C-alpha atoms as a PDB file:
ATOM      1  CA  MET A   1      30.412  16.351 -66.213  1.00  0.00           C
ATOM      2  CA  GLN A   2      29.443  12.904 -67.188  1.00  0.00           C
ATOM      3  CA  PHE A   3      26.659  13.238 -64.214  1.00  0.00           C
ATOM      4  CA  LYS A   4      25.520  16.190 -65.555  1.00  0.00           C
ATOM      5  CA  SER A   5      25.241  14.635 -69.489  1.00  0.00           C
ATOM      6  CA  MET A   6      22.822  11.762 -67.328  1.00  0.00           C
ATOM      7  CA  LEU A   7      20.359  13.619 -66.155  1.00  0.00           C
ATOM      8  CA  THR A   8      19.872  15.810 -69.115  1.00  0.00           C
ATOM      9  CA  GLY A   9      19.329  13.002 -71.113  1.00  0.00           C
ATOM     10  CA  LEU A  10      16.802  11.502 -69.233  1.00  0.00           C
ATOM     11  CA  ALA A  11      15.053  14.300 -68.309  1.00  0.00           C
ATOM     12  CA  THR A  12      14.402  14.245 -72.634  1.00  0.00           C
ATOM     13  CA  ALA A  13      13.355  11.008 -72.509  1.00  0.00           C
ATOM     14  CA  PHE A  14      11.121  11.499 -69.388  1.00  0.00           C
ATOM     15  CA  PHE A  15       9.642  14.458 -71.375  1.00  0.00           C
ATOM     16  CA  ALA A  16       9.212  13.300 -74.739  1.00  0.00           C
ATOM     17  CA  ALA A  17       7.975   9.818 -73.901  1.00  0.00           C
ATOM     18  CA  PRO A  18       4.391  11.151 -73.662  1.00  0.00           C
ATOM     19  CA  ALA A  19       4.266  12.438 -76.843  1.00  0.00           C
ATOM     20  CA  LEU A  20       6.078   9.208 -78.340  1.00  0.00           C
ATOM     21  CA  ALA A  21       3.346   7.320 -76.775  1.00  0.00           C
ATOM     22  CA  GLN A  22       0.741   8.999 -78.156  1.00  0.00           C
ATOM     23  CA  ASP A  23      -1.673   6.979 -80.276  1.00  0.00           C
ATOM     24  CA  LEU A  24      -1.903   9.123 -84.054  1.00  0.00           C
ATOM     25  CA  GLU A  25      -4.431  11.303 -84.398  1.00  0.00           C
ATOM     26  CA  VAL A  26      -6.836  10.797 -86.842  1.00  0.00           C
ATOM     27  CA  VAL A  27      -6.628  13.456 -89.648  1.00  0.00           C
ATOM     28  CA  GLY A  28      -8.515  12.021 -92.317  1.00  0.00           C
ATOM     29  CA  ARG A  29     -11.876  10.891 -91.817  1.00  0.00           C
ATOM     30  CA  PRO A  30     -15.106  11.188 -93.359  1.00  0.00           C
ATOM     31  CA  VAL A  31     -17.502  12.636 -90.973  1.00  0.00           C
ATOM     32  CA  ASP A  32     -21.268  11.607 -90.935  1.00  0.00           C
ATOM     33  CA  GLY A  33     -23.691  15.000 -91.682  1.00  0.00           C
ATOM     34  CA  LYS A  34     -20.426  16.774 -92.954  1.00  0.00           C
ATOM     35  CA  LEU A  35     -20.110  18.758 -95.929  1.00  0.00           C
ATOM     36  CA  GLY A  36     -16.825  20.220 -97.554  1.00  0.00           C
ATOM     37  CA  PHE A  37     -13.193  18.541 -97.481  1.00  0.00           C
ATOM     38  CA  GLN A  38     -11.259  16.403 -95.151  1.00  0.00           C
ATOM     39  CA  PRO A  39      -8.567  19.262 -93.347  1.00  0.00           C
ATOM     40  CA  ALA A  40      -5.446  19.605 -96.357  1.00  0.00           C
ATOM     41  CA  ALA A  41      -2.953  18.169 -95.422  1.00  0.00           C
ATOM     42  CA  THR A  42      -0.646  18.854 -98.571  1.00  0.00           C
ATOM     43  CA  GLU A  43      -0.002  21.564-100.625  1.00  0.00           C
ATOM     44  CA  LEU A  44      -1.524  19.725-103.483  1.00  0.00           C
ATOM     45  CA  ALA A  45      -4.961  19.591-101.524  1.00  0.00           C
ATOM     46  CA  ARG A  46      -4.548  22.764-100.202  1.00  0.00           C
ATOM     47  CA  ASP A  47      -4.183  23.915-104.246  1.00  0.00           C
ATOM     48  CA  LEU A  48      -7.799  21.761-104.938  1.00  0.00           C
ATOM     49  CA  GLN A  49      -9.471  23.519-102.030  1.00  0.00           C
ATOM     50  CA  TRP A  50      -8.798  26.856-103.070  1.00  0.00           C
ATOM     51  CA  LEU A  51      -9.547  26.124-106.579  1.00  0.00           C
ATOM     52  CA  ASP A  52     -12.888  24.544-105.918  1.00  0.00           C
ATOM     53  CA  GLY A  53     -13.388  27.853-103.788  1.00  0.00           C
ATOM     54  CA  LEU A  54     -12.861  30.021-106.530  1.00  0.00           C
ATOM     55  CA  LEU A  55     -15.046  28.361-109.253  1.00  0.00           C
ATOM     56  CA  LEU A  56     -18.033  28.011-106.694  1.00  0.00           C
ATOM     57  CA  VAL A  57     -17.428  31.671-106.412  1.00  0.00           C
ATOM     58  CA  ILE A  58     -17.388  32.019-110.450  1.00  0.00           C
ATOM     59  CA  ILE A  59     -20.614  29.483-110.913  1.00  0.00           C
ATOM     60  CA  THR A  60     -22.621  31.208-108.269  1.00  0.00           C
ATOM     61  CA  ILE A  61     -22.023  34.424-110.092  1.00  0.00           C
ATOM     62  CA  ILE A  62     -22.715  32.872-113.671  1.00  0.00           C
ATOM     63  CA  SER A  63     -26.049  31.188-112.306  1.00  0.00           C
ATOM     64  CA  LEU A  64     -27.068  34.849-110.835  1.00  0.00           C
ATOM     65  CA  LEU A  65     -26.781  36.633-114.037  1.00  0.00           C
ATOM     66  CA  VAL A  66     -28.308  33.899-115.445  1.00  0.00           C
ATOM     67  CA  VAL A  67     -31.503  33.778-113.389  1.00  0.00           C
ATOM     68  CA  ALA A  68     -31.387  37.680-113.106  1.00  0.00           C
ATOM     69  CA  LEU A  69     -31.793  37.378-116.622  1.00  0.00           C
ATOM     70  CA  LEU A  70     -34.228  35.219-117.411  1.00  0.00           C
ATOM     71  CA  ALA A  71     -36.603  36.846-114.647  1.00  0.00           C
ATOM     72  CA  ILE A  72     -35.455  40.242-116.741  1.00  0.00           C
ATOM     73  CA  VAL A  73     -36.651  38.896-119.935  1.00  0.00           C
ATOM     74  CA  TYR A  74     -39.795  37.359-118.182  1.00  0.00           C
ATOM     75  CA  ILE A  75     -41.089  40.833-116.685  1.00  0.00           C
ATOM     76  CA  LYS A  76     -40.247  43.177-119.447  1.00  0.00           C
ATOM     77  CA  TYR A  77     -41.443  41.180-122.637  1.00  0.00           C
ATOM     78  CA  ASN A  78     -44.267  38.740-121.273  1.00  0.00           C
ATOM     79  CA  GLU A  79     -47.545  39.048-122.970  1.00  0.00           C
ATOM     80  CA  ARG A  80     -48.868  41.523-121.592  1.00  0.00           C
ATOM     81  CA  ALA A  81     -46.308  43.890-121.036  1.00  0.00           C
ATOM     82  CA  ASN A  82     -45.549  43.311-124.844  1.00  0.00           C
ATOM     83  CA  LYS A  83     -48.318  43.216-126.751  1.00  0.00           C
ATOM     84  CA  THR A  84     -46.314  43.738-129.796  1.00  0.00           C
ATOM     85  CA  PRO A  85     -43.482  41.127-130.331  1.00  0.00           C
ATOM     86  CA  GLY A  86     -40.459  42.199-131.616  1.00  0.00           C
ATOM     87  CA  THR A  87     -39.563  41.333-135.623  1.00  0.00           C
ATOM     88  CA  PHE A  88     -34.892  40.736-135.488  1.00  0.00           C
ATOM     89  CA  THR A  89     -33.259  37.982-136.300  1.00  0.00           C
ATOM     90  CA  HIS A  90     -30.300  39.201-134.622  1.00  0.00           C
ATOM     91  CA  ASN A  91     -28.101  40.971-132.551  1.00  0.00           C
ATOM     92  CA  SER A  92     -24.352  41.672-133.514  1.00  0.00           C
ATOM     93  CA  PRO A  93     -23.690  43.143-129.739  1.00  0.00           C
ATOM     94  CA  LEU A  94     -24.979  40.731-127.713  1.00  0.00           C
ATOM     95  CA  GLU A  95     -23.873  37.708-129.579  1.00  0.00           C
ATOM     96  CA  ILE A  96     -20.262  39.077-129.740  1.00  0.00           C
ATOM     97  CA  ALA A  97     -20.524  39.032-125.924  1.00  0.00           C
ATOM     98  CA  TRP A  98     -22.247  36.262-124.940  1.00  0.00           C
ATOM     99  CA  THR A  99     -18.817  34.472-127.315  1.00  0.00           C
ATOM    100  CA  ILE A 100     -16.462  36.653-125.657  1.00  0.00           C
ATOM    101  CA  GLY A 101     -17.604  36.112-122.278  1.00  0.00           C
ATOM    102  CA  PRO A 102     -17.461  32.926-121.835  1.00  0.00           C
ATOM    103  CA  ILE A 103     -14.178  32.722-123.558  1.00  0.00           C
ATOM    104  CA  VAL A 104     -12.456  35.320-121.286  1.00  0.00           C
ATOM    105  CA  THR A 105     -14.286  33.298-118.149  1.00  0.00           C
ATOM    106  CA  LEU A 106     -12.693  30.189-119.638  1.00  0.00           C
ATOM    107  CA  VAL A 107      -9.301  31.229-119.857  1.00  0.00           C
ATOM    108  CA  PHE A 108      -9.232  33.247-116.470  1.00  0.00           C
ATOM    109  CA  ILE A 109     -10.377  29.342-115.093  1.00  0.00           C
ATOM    110  CA  GLY A 110      -7.463  27.905-117.189  1.00  0.00           C
ATOM    111  CA  ALA A 111      -5.272  30.390-115.688  1.00  0.00           C
ATOM    112  CA  PHE A 112      -5.771  28.872-112.326  1.00  0.00           C
ATOM    113  CA  SER A 113      -6.725  25.534-113.045  1.00  0.00           C
ATOM    114  CA  LEU A 114      -3.747  24.290-115.202  1.00  0.00           C
ATOM    115  CA  PRO A 115      -0.952  25.522-112.517  1.00  0.00           C
ATOM    116  CA  VAL A 116      -2.606  23.273-110.154  1.00  0.00           C
ATOM    117  CA  LEU A 117      -3.056  20.145-113.019  1.00  0.00           C
ATOM    118  CA  PHE A 118       0.586  21.142-113.944  1.00  0.00           C
ATOM    119  CA  LYS A 119       1.737  20.436-110.387  1.00  0.00           C
ATOM    120  CA  GLN A 120       0.213  16.896-110.182  1.00  0.00           C
ATOM    121  CA  GLN A 121       1.480  15.568-113.193  1.00  0.00           C
ATOM    122  CA  GLU A 122       4.281  16.965-112.586  1.00  0.00           C
ATOM    123  CA  ILE A 123       6.191  13.644-110.609  1.00  0.00           C
ATOM    124  CA  PRO A 124       9.224  15.126-108.830  1.00  0.00           C
ATOM    125  CA  GLU A 125      11.748  13.002-107.796  1.00  0.00           C
ATOM    126  CA  GLY A 126      10.668  11.253-104.629  1.00  0.00           C
ATOM    127  CA  ASP A 127      12.424  10.362-100.625  1.00  0.00           C
ATOM    128  CA  ILE A 128      10.509   7.199-100.722  1.00  0.00           C
ATOM    129  CA  THR A 129       8.719   5.437-103.817  1.00  0.00           C
ATOM    130  CA  ILE A 130       6.154   2.408-103.185  1.00  0.00           C
ATOM    131  CA  LYS A 131       4.792   0.626-105.660  1.00  0.00           C
ATOM    132  CA  VAL A 132       0.570  -0.126-105.108  1.00  0.00           C
ATOM    133  CA  THR A 133      -1.175  -3.041-106.793  1.00  0.00           C
ATOM    134  CA  GLY A 134      -4.705  -3.339-106.751  1.00  0.00           C
ATOM    135  CA  TYR A 135      -6.183  -6.675-106.545  1.00  0.00           C
ATOM    136  CA  GLN A 136     -10.080  -7.534-105.734  1.00  0.00           C
ATOM    137  CA  TRP A 137     -10.324  -6.263-103.280  1.00  0.00           C
ATOM    138  CA  TYR A 138      -7.203  -5.385-101.152  1.00  0.00           C
ATOM    139  CA  TRP A 139      -4.391  -3.058-101.619  1.00  0.00           C
ATOM    140  CA  GLY A 140      -0.369  -4.727-102.205  1.00  0.00           C
ATOM    141  CA  TYR A 141       2.209  -2.155-101.512  1.00  0.00           C
ATOM    142  CA  GLU A 142       6.226  -2.800-101.909  1.00  0.00           C
ATOM    143  CA  TYR A 143       8.406  -0.387-100.757  1.00  0.00           C
ATOM    144  CA  VAL A 144      11.031   0.417-103.679  1.00  0.00           C
ATOM    145  CA  GLY A 145      14.864  -0.307-103.258  1.00  0.00           C
ATOM    146  CA  THR A 146      13.704  -2.502 -99.845  1.00  0.00           C
ATOM    147  CA  ASP A 147      12.947  -5.930 -99.586  1.00  0.00           C
ATOM    148  CA  LEU A 148       9.655  -4.838 -97.459  1.00  0.00           C
ATOM    149  CA  ALA A 149       5.830  -5.887 -99.570  1.00  0.00           C
ATOM    150  CA  PHE A 150       2.696  -6.714 -97.839  1.00  0.00           C
ATOM    151  CA  ASP A 151      -0.970  -7.023 -98.563  1.00  0.00           C
ATOM    152  CA  SER A 152      -3.718  -4.731 -97.083  1.00  0.00           C
ATOM    153  CA  PHE A 153      -7.035  -6.020 -96.126  1.00  0.00           C
ATOM    154  CA  MET A 154     -10.051  -4.451 -94.774  1.00  0.00           C
ATOM    155  CA  ILE A 155     -10.698  -5.031 -91.024  1.00  0.00           C
ATOM    156  CA  GLY A 156     -13.529  -7.220 -91.269  1.00  0.00           C
ATOM    157  CA  HIS A 157     -12.284  -8.998 -94.353  1.00  0.00           C
ATOM    158  CA  PRO A 158     -11.891 -12.930 -93.785  1.00  0.00           C
ATOM    159  CA  ALA A 159      -8.040 -12.427 -94.101  1.00  0.00           C
ATOM    160  CA  THR A 160      -8.324 -10.565 -91.042  1.00  0.00           C
ATOM    161  CA  MET A 161     -10.017 -12.306 -88.924  1.00  0.00           C
ATOM    162  CA  SER A 162      -9.555 -15.297 -86.550  1.00  0.00           C
ATOM    163  CA  ASP A 163     -11.356 -18.331 -84.631  1.00  0.00           C
ATOM    164  CA  GLU A 164     -11.090 -15.925 -81.452  1.00  0.00           C
ATOM    165  CA  ASP A 165     -12.832 -13.206 -83.191  1.00  0.00           C
ATOM    166  CA  TYR A 166     -15.294 -15.504 -84.795  1.00  0.00           C
ATOM    167  CA  ALA A 167     -15.417 -17.352 -81.353  1.00  0.00           C
ATOM    168  CA  ALA A 168     -16.789 -13.501 -79.828  1.00  0.00           C
ATOM    169  CA  GLY A 169     -19.657 -13.283 -82.301  1.00  0.00           C
ATOM    170  CA  ALA A 170     -18.057 -11.492 -85.256  1.00  0.00           C
ATOM    171  CA  LYS A 171     -19.103 -11.742 -89.084  1.00  0.00           C
ATOM    172  CA  ASP A 172     -17.359 -10.801 -91.948  1.00  0.00           C
ATOM    173  CA  PHE A 173     -17.768  -7.800 -93.352  1.00  0.00           C
ATOM    174  CA  VAL A 174     -20.812  -6.648 -90.287  1.00  0.00           C
ATOM    175  CA  ARG A 175     -20.512  -4.386 -87.798  1.00  0.00           C
ATOM    176  CA  SER A 176     -20.770  -5.688 -84.300  1.00  0.00           C
ATOM    177  CA  ASP A 177     -19.900  -5.334 -80.727  1.00  0.00           C
ATOM    178  CA  ALA A 178     -17.239  -8.458 -81.492  1.00  0.00           C
ATOM    179  CA  MET A 179     -15.994  -6.251 -84.703  1.00  0.00           C
ATOM    180  CA  ASN A 180     -15.701  -2.992 -82.826  1.00  0.00           C
ATOM    181  CA  ALA A 181     -13.447  -4.855 -80.010  1.00  0.00           C
ATOM    182  CA  ARG A 182     -11.384  -6.009 -83.022  1.00  0.00           C
ATOM    183  CA  LEU A 183     -10.557  -3.004 -84.550  1.00  0.00           C
ATOM    184  CA  GLU A 184      -9.568  -1.552 -81.101  1.00  0.00           C
ATOM    185  CA  ARG A 185      -6.917  -4.202 -80.937  1.00  0.00           C
ATOM    186  CA  SER A 186      -5.358  -2.651 -84.067  1.00  0.00           C
ATOM    187  CA  GLY A 187      -5.614   0.839 -82.660  1.00  0.00           C
ATOM    188  CA  TYR A 188      -8.978   1.641 -84.080  1.00  0.00           C
ATOM    189  CA  SER A 189     -12.376   3.174 -82.636  1.00  0.00           C
ATOM    190  CA  SER A 190     -15.586   1.935 -83.727  1.00  0.00           C
ATOM    191  CA  GLU A 191     -16.076   4.810 -85.974  1.00  0.00           C
ATOM    192  CA  ASP A 192     -13.114   3.695 -88.837  1.00  0.00           C
ATOM    193  CA  PHE A 193     -15.411   0.190 -89.245  1.00  0.00           C
ATOM    194  CA  LEU A 194     -15.065   0.391 -92.901  1.00  0.00           C
ATOM    195  CA  LEU A 195     -12.010   2.640 -93.169  1.00  0.00           C
ATOM    196  CA  ALA A 196      -9.544   0.743 -91.243  1.00  0.00           C
ATOM    197  CA  THR A 197      -6.981  -2.188 -92.791  1.00  0.00           C
ATOM    198  CA  ASN A 198      -4.664  -4.552 -90.738  1.00  0.00           C
ATOM    199  CA  THR A 199      -2.012  -3.015 -92.490  1.00  0.00           C
ATOM    200  CA  SER A 200      -1.005   0.600 -93.531  1.00  0.00           C
ATOM    201  CA  VAL A 201       1.063   2.682 -95.773  1.00  0.00           C
ATOM    202  CA  VAL A 202       3.982   4.355 -93.437  1.00  0.00           C
ATOM    203  CA  VAL A 203       5.272   7.322 -94.614  1.00  0.00           C
ATOM    204  CA  PRO A 204       7.555  10.468 -92.795  1.00  0.00           C
ATOM    205  CA  VAL A 205       5.849  13.938 -92.473  1.00  0.00           C
ATOM    206  CA  GLY A 206       7.461  16.426 -94.549  1.00  0.00           C
ATOM    207  CA  LYS A 207       8.597  13.410 -96.990  1.00  0.00           C
ATOM    208  CA  THR A 208       7.965  13.692-100.951  1.00  0.00           C
ATOM    209  CA  ILE A 209       6.195  10.174-101.415  1.00  0.00           C
ATOM    210  CA  VAL A 210       5.746   8.416-104.992  1.00  0.00           C
ATOM    211  CA  MET A 211       3.036   6.184-105.502  1.00  0.00           C
ATOM    212  CA  GLN A 212       3.859   4.149-108.571  1.00  0.00           C
ATOM    213  CA  ILE A 213       0.069   2.580-108.974  1.00  0.00           C
ATOM    214  CA  THR A 214      -1.170  -0.361-111.481  1.00  0.00           C
ATOM    215  CA  GLY A 215      -4.174  -3.342-111.650  1.00  0.00           C
ATOM    216  CA  GLY A 216      -3.477  -6.881-110.631  1.00  0.00           C
ATOM    217  CA  ASP A 217      -7.193  -7.986-112.376  1.00  0.00           C
ATOM    218  CA  VAL A 218      -9.017  -5.056-113.082  1.00  0.00           C
ATOM    219  CA  ILE A 219      -9.096  -1.282-112.598  1.00  0.00           C
ATOM    220  CA  HIS A 220      -9.312   0.274-109.175  1.00  0.00           C
ATOM    221  CA  SER A 221      -8.255   3.735-107.852  1.00  0.00           C
ATOM    222  CA  TRP A 222      -5.912   4.513-105.324  1.00  0.00           C
ATOM    223  CA  THR A 223      -7.418   8.233-103.786  1.00  0.00           C
ATOM    224  CA  ILE A 224      -6.481   9.651-100.289  1.00  0.00           C
ATOM    225  CA  PRO A 225      -8.883  12.589-100.129  1.00  0.00           C
ATOM    226  CA  ALA A 226      -6.911  14.551 -97.449  1.00  0.00           C
ATOM    227  CA  PHE A 227      -3.883  14.070 -99.376  1.00  0.00           C
ATOM    228  CA  GLY A 228      -5.416  15.547-102.412  1.00  0.00           C
ATOM    229  CA  VAL A 229      -4.528  12.613-104.932  1.00  0.00           C
ATOM    230  CA  LYS A 230      -6.736   9.869-106.772  1.00  0.00           C
ATOM    231  CA  GLN A 231      -5.154   7.656-109.573  1.00  0.00           C
ATOM    232  CA  ASP A 232      -6.460   5.022-111.624  1.00  0.00           C
ATOM    233  CA  ALA A 233      -4.725   1.412-111.382  1.00  0.00           C
ATOM    234  CA  VAL A 234      -4.815   0.084-114.777  1.00  0.00           C
ATOM    235  CA  PRO A 235      -3.893  -3.424-115.571  1.00  0.00           C
ATOM    236  CA  GLY A 236      -1.161  -3.413-117.793  1.00  0.00           C
ATOM    237  CA  ARG A 237      -0.439   0.100-117.227  1.00  0.00           C
ATOM    238  CA  LEU A 238       2.093   2.286-114.347  1.00  0.00           C
ATOM    239  CA  ALA A 239       1.027   5.120-113.369  1.00  0.00           C
ATOM    240  CA  GLU A 240       2.694   7.708-110.352  1.00  0.00           C
ATOM    241  CA  LEU A 241       1.186  10.046-108.134  1.00  0.00           C
ATOM    242  CA  TRP A 242       2.884  12.078-105.457  1.00  0.00           C
ATOM    243  CA  PHE A 243       2.435  13.670-102.139  1.00  0.00           C
ATOM    244  CA  LYS A 244       4.179  15.170 -99.557  1.00  0.00           C
ATOM    245  CA  PRO A 245       2.475  15.281 -95.928  1.00  0.00           C
ATOM    246  CA  GLU A 246       2.784  18.052 -93.773  1.00  0.00           C
ATOM    247  CA  ARG A 247       0.739  16.692 -90.476  1.00  0.00           C
ATOM    248  CA  GLU A 248       1.219  13.295 -88.647  1.00  0.00           C
ATOM    249  CA  GLY A 249      -1.694  11.421 -88.653  1.00  0.00           C
ATOM    250  CA  VAL A 250      -4.083   8.863 -89.954  1.00  0.00           C
ATOM    251  CA  TYR A 251      -5.391   9.227 -93.113  1.00  0.00           C
ATOM    252  CA  PHE A 252      -7.841   6.811 -94.774  1.00  0.00           C
ATOM    253  CA  GLY A 253      -9.209   6.316 -98.795  1.00  0.00           C
ATOM    254  CA  GLN A 254     -10.860   4.120-100.939  1.00  0.00           C
ATOM    255  CA  CYS A 255     -10.773   2.428-103.684  1.00  0.00           C
ATOM    256  CA  SER A 256     -12.815   4.980-106.436  1.00  0.00           C
ATOM    257  CA  GLU A 257     -13.537   2.795-109.303  1.00  0.00           C
ATOM    258  CA  LEU A 258     -15.865   0.233-109.095  1.00  0.00           C
ATOM    259  CA  CYS A 259     -14.002  -2.851-109.663  1.00  0.00           C
ATOM    260  CA  GLY A 260     -16.724  -5.390-108.603  1.00  0.00           C
ATOM    261  CA  LYS A 261     -18.998  -7.061-105.771  1.00  0.00           C
ATOM    262  CA  ASP A 262     -16.657  -6.128-102.648  1.00  0.00           C
ATOM    263  CA  HIS A 263     -15.569  -3.175-104.214  1.00  0.00           C
ATOM    264  CA  ALA A 264     -17.195  -1.282-100.937  1.00  0.00           C
ATOM    265  CA  TYR A 265     -14.776  -3.440 -98.831  1.00  0.00           C
ATOM    266  CA  MET A 266     -11.636  -1.876-100.228  1.00  0.00           C
ATOM    267  CA  PRO A 267      -9.871   1.099 -98.264  1.00  0.00           C
ATOM    268  CA  ILE A 268      -6.842   2.085 -98.085  1.00  0.00           C
ATOM    269  CA  THR A 269      -5.017   3.573 -94.456  1.00  0.00           C
ATOM    270  CA  VAL A 270      -1.825   5.723 -94.689  1.00  0.00           C
ATOM    271  CA  LYS A 271      -0.337   6.582 -91.373  1.00  0.00           C
ATOM    272  CA  VAL A 272       2.541   9.389 -91.585  1.00  0.00           C
ATOM    273  CA  VAL A 273       4.413   9.496 -88.776  1.00  0.00           C
ATOM    274  CA  SER A 274       7.984  11.449 -87.329  1.00  0.00           C
ATOM    275  CA  GLU A 275      10.905  10.633 -89.715  1.00  0.00           C
ATOM    276  CA  GLU A 276      12.616   8.932 -86.524  1.00  0.00           C
ATOM    277  CA  ALA A 277       9.683   6.612 -86.255  1.00  0.00           C
ATOM    278  CA  TYR A 278       9.425   6.151 -90.024  1.00  0.00           C
ATOM    279  CA  GLU A 279      12.682   4.378 -90.198  1.00  0.00           C
ATOM    280  CA  ALA A 280      12.735   2.620 -86.672  1.00  0.00           C
ATOM    281  CA  TRP A 281       9.513   0.967 -88.197  1.00  0.00           C
ATOM    282  CA  LEU A 282      10.986   0.375 -91.895  1.00  0.00           C
ATOM    283  CA  ALA A 283      14.242  -1.066 -89.801  1.00  0.00           C
ATOM    284  CA  ARG A 284      11.749  -3.425 -87.763  1.00  0.00           C
ATOM    285  CA  SER A 285       9.508  -4.452 -90.320  1.00  0.00           C
ATOM    286  CA  LEU A 286      13.153  -4.949 -92.518  1.00  0.00           C
ATOM    287  CA  ASP A 287      14.405  -7.192 -89.550  1.00  0.00           C
ATOM    288  CA  ALA A 288      11.354  -9.273 -89.204  1.00  0.00           C
ATOM    289  CA  GLY A 289      11.052  -9.850 -92.917  1.00  0.00           C
ATOM    290  CA  GLU A 290       7.092  -8.683 -93.105  1.00  0.00           C
ATOM    291  CA  TYR A 291       5.098  -5.592 -91.722  1.00  0.00           C
ATOM    292  CA  THR A 292       5.054  -4.600 -87.943  1.00  0.00           C
ATOM    293  CA  ASP A 293       2.778  -2.537 -86.350  1.00  0.00           C
ATOM    294  CA  VAL A 294       3.714   1.029 -86.456  1.00  0.00           C
ATOM    295  CA  ARG A 295       2.379   1.580 -82.858  1.00  0.00           C
ATOM    296  CA  GLU A 296       5.441  -0.824 -81.819  1.00  0.00           C
ATOM    297  CA  VAL A 297       7.887   1.821 -82.735  1.00  0.00           C
ATOM    298  CA  LEU A 298       5.577   5.002 -81.167  1.00  0.00           C
ATOM    299  CA  THR A 299       4.847   3.114 -78.032  1.00  0.00           C
ATOM    300  CA  ASN A 300       8.374   2.457 -76.976  1.00  0.00           C
END
């Protein structure tokens, strides 16, 4: 019986190992030449994308209606077709129609948009709370209730470069073969230049994450498009956002509030992993007293 249990355990480990060893899929990355949204990875993002589609339909109908009315007026009431211009000053039914029509349209839009807004703004109790502080020009993270805190710089920032990188020909904030090699050592591809950071927010899939956002100097903005979240980081104020990721992977964001000369070099990286991998990563980081790369957990 004991031998059978051992064989079962070995077989489970053998078949599970390849899945654990795989790198996380990059889900939330902008793509050159593409239109539309990044794949929605939260309920909030799906709601926003659905609302955007609804508004696009409404705006298209209104635009076509206005263009059609303009065309009718131009054709029917131009000087050649209408030799004697009208002398009336008002049309009560028409005025009532163009007053009630927009009101009904706005009420209809509000009936669908306000629930989405309220869902964003009503912060639930979080399974994990992370404090985010924006600085010129990097992010600081603190996992509330633990001793884990770290800063996050764009790969290519001087804080992320070593003497070996410079010796290989890498230059700060400049894409090159040496910079691509630096990205690959951190588990990214050359496509992730200006997106990848030396440390990343690590959260478990399927858990409610609350981010407490503030600024350490000027106004910044913490944004992850695939999660449907964006919150200004204002010095002296603590704002909150929340999300519940539904898919494991790597997601990128960017500071979305102009904050100074290096605003373009202030990306955000979030890695969504399994709950088991998250717990192992958190325990390892706490034992080490500093941030550790989640890949060490995923590949072991």
